[in-house]
Amino acid sequence: MQKIIRGKKYNTDTAKEVCCYSNNLPFGDFDWVQETLYVKRTGEYFLHGKGGARSKYAVPDGDFMGGGSEIIPLSEKEAQAFVEENGDTETYEKFFGEASEGETRTTIILSETAKKKLQRLALEKRVSISQIVERLIENA
């Protein structure tokens, strides 16, 4: 897919894939979502998202909604947050350098619904899931 946004061309065929997120629903499911982070030769990051008729990528199709796709330019910080949540350590350090050890990593168990809401909120706010959780704890 390719698209021109604010005079800049974004092309999934010529950019390098960084990492990918899928909600693991089958293709064709109304809630199916897949997002792939790319980096252009210029160092600019963008997300190619696609999904079903009830996903955030849905588009009007006559009287109904259909599956759709979108290219979204991301800042380096937004791309970094995406890799933190969806990539592995090797991928993170390959694109953003060695990670700081000043933070503590922990594992929490969430329902799939809560995880989706947390991911959606992080994307809407353009911050990492970790930042969302930390803000919730600070405000508690």
N, C-alpha and C. Protein backbone atom coordinates (compact mmCIF):
# COMPACT_ATOMS: atom_id res chain seq x y z
N MET A 1 0.86 -1.17 0.00
CA MET A 1 0.00 0.00 0.00
C MET A 1 0.90 1.23 0.00
N GLN A 2 0.47 2.23 -0.70
CA GLN A 2 1.18 3.50 -0.67
C GLN A 2 0.19 4.65 -0.58
N LYS A 3 0.67 5.73 0.05
CA LYS A 3 -0.19 6.88 0.25
C LYS A 3 0.70 8.12 0.41
N ILE A 4 0.21 9.25 -0.06
CA ILE A 4 0.91 10.51 0.14
C ILE A 4 0.17 11.28 1.23
N ILE A 5 0.91 11.66 2.27
CA ILE A 5 0.35 12.38 3.41
C ILE A 5 1.21 13.61 3.64
N ARG A 6 0.59 14.78 3.61
CA ARG A 6 1.29 16.06 3.78
C ARG A 6 2.53 16.15 2.89
N GLY A 7 2.36 15.72 1.63
CA GLY A 7 3.42 15.83 0.63
C GLY A 7 4.51 14.78 0.73
N LYS A 8 4.37 13.80 1.63
CA LYS A 8 5.37 12.75 1.78
C LYS A 8 4.77 11.40 1.38
N LYS A 9 5.57 10.62 0.67
CA LYS A 9 5.11 9.31 0.21
C LYS A 9 5.46 8.23 1.23
N TYR A 10 4.48 7.40 1.53
CA TYR A 10 4.64 6.25 2.42
C TYR A 10 4.28 5.01 1.62
N ASN A 11 5.20 4.05 1.54
CA ASN A 11 5.02 2.88 0.69
C ASN A 11 5.47 1.64 1.45
N THR A 12 4.55 0.71 1.69
CA THR A 12 4.89 -0.50 2.43
C THR A 12 5.82 -1.42 1.63
N ASP A 13 5.85 -1.26 0.30
CA ASP A 13 6.71 -2.12 -0.53
C ASP A 13 8.18 -1.70 -0.49
N THR A 14 8.44 -0.42 -0.23
CA THR A 14 9.83 0.05 -0.24
C THR A 14 10.37 0.32 1.16
N ALA A 15 9.51 0.41 2.16
CA ALA A 15 9.96 0.65 3.54
C ALA A 15 10.34 -0.68 4.19
N LYS A 16 11.07 -0.58 5.28
CA LYS A 16 11.52 -1.77 6.01
C LYS A 16 10.55 -2.05 7.16
N GLU A 17 10.09 -3.30 7.25
CA GLU A 17 9.19 -3.69 8.32
C GLU A 17 9.96 -3.78 9.63
N VAL A 18 9.41 -3.17 10.67
CA VAL A 18 10.06 -3.18 11.99
C VAL A 18 9.45 -4.28 12.85
N CYS A 19 8.15 -4.22 13.08
CA CYS A 19 7.45 -5.27 13.84
C CYS A 19 5.96 -5.16 13.57
N CYS A 20 5.23 -6.15 14.06
CA CYS A 20 3.82 -6.27 13.71
C CYS A 20 3.01 -6.62 14.95
N TYR A 21 1.76 -6.15 14.99
CA TYR A 21 0.79 -6.52 16.02
C TYR A 21 -0.44 -7.11 15.33
N SER A 22 -0.97 -8.17 15.90
CA SER A 22 -2.24 -8.72 15.45
C SER A 22 -3.03 -9.11 16.68
N ASN A 23 -4.35 -8.92 16.63
CA ASN A 23 -5.16 -9.34 17.76
C ASN A 23 -5.53 -10.82 17.67
N ASN A 24 -4.94 -11.51 16.71
CA ASN A 24 -5.06 -12.97 16.54
C ASN A 24 -6.46 -13.46 16.23
N LEU A 25 -7.33 -12.56 15.82
CA LEU A 25 -8.63 -13.01 15.32
C LEU A 25 -8.46 -13.40 13.86
N PRO A 26 -9.29 -14.28 13.36
CA PRO A 26 -9.14 -14.69 11.96
C PRO A 26 -9.46 -13.55 10.99
N PHE A 27 -8.72 -13.52 9.89
CA PHE A 27 -9.00 -12.54 8.84
C PHE A 27 -10.46 -12.71 8.42
N GLY A 28 -11.16 -11.63 8.29
CA GLY A 28 -12.58 -11.69 7.95
C GLY A 28 -13.47 -11.47 9.16
N ASP A 29 -12.95 -11.68 10.36
CA ASP A 29 -13.70 -11.38 11.58
C ASP A 29 -13.92 -9.86 11.62
N PHE A 30 -15.08 -9.41 12.02
CA PHE A 30 -15.38 -7.98 12.05
C PHE A 30 -14.43 -7.19 12.94
N ASP A 31 -13.88 -7.84 13.98
CA ASP A 31 -13.01 -7.17 14.95
C ASP A 31 -11.52 -7.38 14.66
N TRP A 32 -11.19 -8.08 13.58
CA TRP A 32 -9.80 -8.38 13.24
C TRP A 32 -9.00 -7.11 13.02
N VAL A 33 -7.78 -7.06 13.59
CA VAL A 33 -6.87 -5.93 13.40
C VAL A 33 -5.45 -6.45 13.24
N GLN A 34 -4.73 -5.85 12.30
CA GLN A 34 -3.30 -6.09 12.14
C GLN A 34 -2.63 -4.75 11.89
N GLU A 35 -1.56 -4.49 12.62
CA GLU A 35 -0.82 -3.24 12.47
C GLU A 35 0.66 -3.57 12.29
N THR A 36 1.26 -2.98 11.27
CA THR A 36 2.68 -3.20 10.99
C THR A 36 3.39 -1.87 11.00
N LEU A 37 4.48 -1.80 11.76
CA LEU A 37 5.30 -0.60 11.84
C LEU A 37 6.40 -0.71 10.79
N TYR A 38 6.58 0.37 10.04
CA TYR A 38 7.61 0.45 9.00
C TYR A 38 8.50 1.65 9.26
N VAL A 39 9.73 1.58 8.72
CA VAL A 39 10.63 2.73 8.72
C VAL A 39 11.07 2.97 7.28
N LYS A 40 11.01 4.23 6.87
CA LYS A 40 11.43 4.61 5.52
C LYS A 40 12.95 4.77 5.48
N ARG A 41 13.51 4.83 4.28
CA ARG A 41 14.96 5.06 4.13
C ARG A 41 15.37 6.37 4.78
N THR A 42 14.44 7.31 4.89
CA THR A 42 14.72 8.62 5.48
C THR A 42 14.70 8.57 7.01
N GLY A 43 14.34 7.42 7.59
CA GLY A 43 14.27 7.29 9.04
C GLY A 43 12.91 7.60 9.61
N GLU A 44 11.95 7.95 8.76
CA GLU A 44 10.60 8.24 9.23
C GLU A 44 9.84 6.94 9.45
N TYR A 45 9.02 6.92 10.49
CA TYR A 45 8.23 5.73 10.83
C TYR A 45 6.78 5.94 10.43
N PHE A 46 6.14 4.82 10.09
CA PHE A 46 4.70 4.87 9.86
C PHE A 46 4.09 3.52 10.16
N LEU A 47 2.80 3.56 10.47
CA LEU A 47 2.04 2.37 10.80
C LEU A 47 1.09 2.08 9.65
N HIS A 48 1.06 0.82 9.22
CA HIS A 48 0.06 0.39 8.25
C HIS A 48 -0.90 -0.50 9.02
N GLY A 49 -2.10 0.02 9.25
CA GLY A 49 -3.11 -0.73 9.98
C GLY A 49 -4.23 -1.17 9.06
N LYS A 50 -4.76 -2.33 9.35
CA LYS A 50 -5.92 -2.82 8.60
C LYS A 50 -6.79 -3.63 9.54
N GLY A 51 -8.07 -3.68 9.22
CA GLY A 51 -8.97 -4.39 10.11
C GLY A 51 -10.35 -4.57 9.53
N GLY A 52 -11.14 -5.29 10.30
CA GLY A 52 -12.50 -5.64 9.90
C GLY A 52 -13.51 -4.53 10.10
N ALA A 53 -14.75 -4.87 9.85
CA ALA A 53 -15.84 -3.89 9.81
C ALA A 53 -16.17 -3.26 11.16
N ARG A 54 -15.73 -3.86 12.28
CA ARG A 54 -15.95 -3.25 13.60
C ARG A 54 -14.64 -2.75 14.21
N SER A 55 -13.59 -2.76 13.44
CA SER A 55 -12.30 -2.29 13.94
C SER A 55 -12.16 -0.79 13.75
N LYS A 56 -11.10 -0.21 14.28
CA LYS A 56 -10.88 1.22 14.10
C LYS A 56 -10.51 1.56 12.66
N TYR A 57 -10.27 0.54 11.83
CA TYR A 57 -9.94 0.77 10.42
C TYR A 57 -11.15 0.58 9.50
N ALA A 58 -12.33 0.40 10.07
CA ALA A 58 -13.54 0.21 9.28
C ALA A 58 -13.83 1.45 8.44
N VAL A 59 -14.41 1.21 7.27
CA VAL A 59 -14.78 2.30 6.37
C VAL A 59 -16.22 2.08 5.90
N PRO A 60 -16.93 3.17 5.63
CA PRO A 60 -18.30 3.02 5.12
C PRO A 60 -18.32 2.27 3.79
N ASP A 61 -19.28 1.37 3.67
CA ASP A 61 -19.45 0.58 2.45
C ASP A 61 -20.95 0.53 2.16
N GLY A 62 -21.43 1.57 1.51
CA GLY A 62 -22.87 1.68 1.29
C GLY A 62 -23.56 1.96 2.61
N ASP A 63 -24.55 1.15 2.94
CA ASP A 63 -25.29 1.32 4.19
C ASP A 63 -24.60 0.65 5.37
N PHE A 64 -23.50 -0.02 5.13
CA PHE A 64 -22.82 -0.79 6.16
C PHE A 64 -21.37 -0.32 6.30
N MET A 65 -20.67 -0.93 7.24
CA MET A 65 -19.24 -0.68 7.40
C MET A 65 -18.49 -1.90 6.86
N GLY A 66 -17.36 -1.66 6.24
CA GLY A 66 -16.52 -2.73 5.73
C GLY A 66 -15.12 -2.61 6.28
N GLY A 67 -14.34 -3.64 6.07
CA GLY A 67 -12.95 -3.60 6.50
C GLY A 67 -12.19 -2.54 5.72
N GLY A 68 -11.12 -2.05 6.31
CA GLY A 68 -10.34 -1.01 5.65
C GLY A 68 -8.90 -1.03 6.11
N SER A 69 -8.14 -0.09 5.58
CA SER A 69 -6.74 0.03 5.96
C SER A 69 -6.35 1.51 5.94
N GLU A 70 -5.24 1.81 6.63
CA GLU A 70 -4.81 3.19 6.75
C GLU A 70 -3.31 3.23 6.99
N ILE A 71 -2.67 4.26 6.51
CA ILE A 71 -1.27 4.53 6.82
C ILE A 71 -1.24 5.74 7.74
N ILE A 72 -0.50 5.60 8.84
CA ILE A 72 -0.44 6.64 9.86
C ILE A 72 1.02 6.99 10.14
N PRO A 73 1.47 8.19 9.79
CA PRO A 73 2.84 8.59 10.13
C PRO A 73 3.00 8.66 11.65
N LEU A 74 4.16 8.21 12.16
CA LEU A 74 4.43 8.23 13.59
C LEU A 74 5.74 8.96 13.87
N SER A 75 5.80 9.61 15.00
CA SER A 75 7.06 10.18 15.45
C SER A 75 7.96 9.03 15.92
N GLU A 76 9.22 9.33 16.11
CA GLU A 76 10.14 8.29 16.60
C GLU A 76 9.70 7.79 17.97
N LYS A 77 9.23 8.69 18.81
CA LYS A 77 8.77 8.32 20.15
C LYS A 77 7.54 7.40 20.08
N GLU A 78 6.63 7.70 19.17
CA GLU A 78 5.44 6.85 18.99
C GLU A 78 5.84 5.48 18.46
N ALA A 79 6.78 5.45 17.52
CA ALA A 79 7.27 4.18 16.98
C ALA A 79 7.96 3.37 18.07
N GLN A 80 8.72 4.04 18.90
CA GLN A 80 9.42 3.41 20.00
C GLN A 80 8.41 2.76 20.96
N ALA A 81 7.34 3.46 21.27
CA ALA A 81 6.30 2.93 22.14
C ALA A 81 5.63 1.71 21.51
N PHE A 82 5.41 1.75 20.19
CA PHE A 82 4.80 0.62 19.50
C PHE A 82 5.69 -0.61 19.61
N VAL A 83 7.00 -0.44 19.40
CA VAL A 83 7.94 -1.57 19.48
C VAL A 83 8.03 -2.08 20.92
N GLU A 84 8.01 -1.18 21.89
CA GLU A 84 8.03 -1.61 23.29
C GLU A 84 6.88 -2.56 23.58
N GLU A 85 5.71 -2.26 23.04
CA GLU A 85 4.52 -3.05 23.33
C GLU A 85 4.37 -4.28 22.44
N ASN A 86 4.92 -4.24 21.24
CA ASN A 86 4.64 -5.30 20.28
C ASN A 86 5.87 -6.02 19.74
N GLY A 87 7.04 -5.50 20.00
CA GLY A 87 8.26 -6.11 19.49
C GLY A 87 9.02 -6.81 20.60
N ASP A 88 10.24 -7.20 20.29
CA ASP A 88 11.10 -7.82 21.29
C ASP A 88 12.30 -6.92 21.55
N THR A 89 13.12 -7.30 22.50
CA THR A 89 14.27 -6.50 22.91
C THR A 89 15.24 -6.28 21.75
N GLU A 90 15.49 -7.34 20.99
CA GLU A 90 16.42 -7.25 19.86
C GLU A 90 15.95 -6.22 18.84
N THR A 91 14.67 -6.24 18.52
CA THR A 91 14.11 -5.28 17.56
C THR A 91 14.20 -3.87 18.11
N TYR A 92 13.83 -3.70 19.36
CA TYR A 92 13.89 -2.37 19.99
C TYR A 92 15.30 -1.80 19.89
N GLU A 93 16.28 -2.58 20.32
CA GLU A 93 17.65 -2.08 20.35
C GLU A 93 18.24 -1.91 18.96
N LYS A 94 17.77 -2.66 17.99
CA LYS A 94 18.24 -2.51 16.61
C LYS A 94 17.84 -1.14 16.05
N PHE A 95 16.64 -0.69 16.38
CA PHE A 95 16.13 0.56 15.80
C PHE A 95 16.31 1.78 16.72
N PHE A 96 16.36 1.57 18.04
CA PHE A 96 16.37 2.70 18.96
C PHE A 96 17.57 2.71 19.91
N GLY A 97 18.46 1.76 19.77
CA GLY A 97 19.63 1.71 20.66
C GLY A 97 19.33 0.94 21.93
N GLU A 98 20.37 0.78 22.72
CA GLU A 98 20.24 -0.01 23.94
C GLU A 98 19.27 0.65 24.92
N ALA A 99 18.41 -0.17 25.49
CA ALA A 99 17.40 0.33 26.42
C ALA A 99 18.01 0.61 27.79
N SER A 100 17.46 1.61 28.46
CA SER A 100 17.89 1.97 29.80
C SER A 100 17.50 0.89 30.78
N GLU A 101 18.31 0.72 31.80
CA GLU A 101 17.97 -0.25 32.84
C GLU A 101 17.45 0.44 34.10
N GLY A 102 17.07 1.72 33.96
CA GLY A 102 16.58 2.48 35.09
C GLY A 102 15.13 2.20 35.45
N GLU A 103 14.46 1.40 34.66
CA GLU A 103 13.06 1.09 34.92
C GLU A 103 12.92 -0.38 35.27
N THR A 104 11.83 -0.72 35.92
CA THR A 104 11.56 -2.09 36.30
C THR A 104 10.53 -2.68 35.36
N ARG A 105 10.78 -3.87 34.89
CA ARG A 105 9.83 -4.57 34.03
C ARG A 105 9.04 -5.55 34.88
N THR A 106 7.73 -5.56 34.66
CA THR A 106 6.87 -6.47 35.40
C THR A 106 5.83 -7.04 34.45
N THR A 107 5.22 -8.11 34.84
CA THR A 107 4.19 -8.75 34.03
C THR A 107 2.86 -8.67 34.78
N ILE A 108 1.82 -8.28 34.05
CA ILE A 108 0.48 -8.28 34.63
C ILE A 108 -0.42 -9.12 33.73
N ILE A 109 -1.43 -9.67 34.33
CA ILE A 109 -2.38 -10.49 33.58
C ILE A 109 -3.69 -9.72 33.48
N LEU A 110 -4.14 -9.51 32.22
CA LEU A 110 -5.37 -8.77 31.95
C LEU A 110 -6.31 -9.62 31.11
N SER A 111 -7.57 -9.32 31.18
CA SER A 111 -8.51 -9.94 30.25
C SER A 111 -8.21 -9.40 28.86
N GLU A 112 -8.62 -10.12 27.84
CA GLU A 112 -8.40 -9.67 26.46
C GLU A 112 -9.09 -8.33 26.22
N THR A 113 -10.25 -8.15 26.80
CA THR A 113 -10.99 -6.89 26.65
C THR A 113 -10.22 -5.73 27.25
N ALA A 114 -9.69 -5.92 28.46
CA ALA A 114 -8.92 -4.86 29.11
C ALA A 114 -7.65 -4.55 28.33
N LYS A 115 -7.01 -5.58 27.81
CA LYS A 115 -5.79 -5.37 27.02
C LYS A 115 -6.09 -4.55 25.77
N LYS A 116 -7.19 -4.87 25.09
CA LYS A 116 -7.58 -4.12 23.88
C LYS A 116 -7.86 -2.66 24.22
N LYS A 117 -8.57 -2.43 25.33
CA LYS A 117 -8.87 -1.06 25.73
C LYS A 117 -7.60 -0.30 26.04
N LEU A 118 -6.66 -0.95 26.73
CA LEU A 118 -5.40 -0.33 27.08
C LEU A 118 -4.59 0.00 25.83
N GLN A 119 -4.55 -0.92 24.87
CA GLN A 119 -3.83 -0.68 23.61
C GLN A 119 -4.47 0.45 22.83
N ARG A 120 -5.80 0.46 22.77
CA ARG A 120 -6.52 1.52 22.05
C ARG A 120 -6.25 2.88 22.69
N LEU A 121 -6.29 2.93 24.02
CA LEU A 121 -6.03 4.18 24.73
C LEU A 121 -4.61 4.67 24.48
N ALA A 122 -3.65 3.76 24.50
CA ALA A 122 -2.26 4.13 24.25
C ALA A 122 -2.08 4.68 22.83
N LEU A 123 -2.72 4.06 21.85
CA LEU A 123 -2.62 4.54 20.47
C LEU A 123 -3.30 5.90 20.33
N GLU A 124 -4.46 6.06 20.96
CA GLU A 124 -5.17 7.34 20.88
C GLU A 124 -4.35 8.47 21.51
N LYS A 125 -3.73 8.17 22.65
CA LYS A 125 -2.92 9.17 23.36
C LYS A 125 -1.51 9.27 22.78
N ARG A 126 -1.17 8.30 21.91
CA ARG A 126 0.16 8.24 21.29
C ARG A 126 1.28 8.13 22.33
N VAL A 127 1.05 7.26 23.32
CA VAL A 127 2.05 6.95 24.33
C VAL A 127 2.09 5.43 24.50
N SER A 128 3.06 4.95 25.25
CA SER A 128 3.16 3.51 25.46
C SER A 128 2.13 3.05 26.49
N ILE A 129 1.85 1.77 26.47
CA ILE A 129 0.95 1.18 27.47
C ILE A 129 1.56 1.37 28.86
N SER A 130 2.87 1.25 28.95
CA SER A 130 3.55 1.45 30.24
C SER A 130 3.27 2.84 30.79
N GLN A 131 3.28 3.85 29.93
CA GLN A 131 3.01 5.22 30.38
C GLN A 131 1.58 5.37 30.87
N ILE A 132 0.64 4.73 30.19
CA ILE A 132 -0.76 4.77 30.61
C ILE A 132 -0.90 4.16 32.01
N VAL A 133 -0.32 2.97 32.21
CA VAL A 133 -0.41 2.28 33.50
C VAL A 133 0.25 3.11 34.59
N GLU A 134 1.42 3.67 34.29
CA GLU A 134 2.12 4.48 35.29
C GLU A 134 1.28 5.70 35.70
N ARG A 135 0.64 6.35 34.73
CA ARG A 135 -0.22 7.51 35.04
C ARG A 135 -1.40 7.09 35.92
N LEU A 136 -2.00 5.92 35.60
CA LEU A 136 -3.12 5.44 36.41
C LEU A 136 -2.68 5.20 37.85
N ILE A 137 -1.51 4.64 38.03
CA ILE A 137 -1.00 4.36 39.38
C ILE A 137 -0.70 5.67 40.11
N GLU A 138 -0.09 6.60 39.41
CA GLU A 138 0.25 7.89 40.03
C GLU A 138 -1.00 8.65 40.47
N ASN A 139 -2.09 8.51 39.72
CA ASN A 139 -3.32 9.24 40.01
C ASN A 139 -4.25 8.49 40.98
N ALA A 140 -3.85 7.29 41.38
CA ALA A 140 -4.70 6.48 42.28
C ALA A 140 -4.64 6.98 43.70
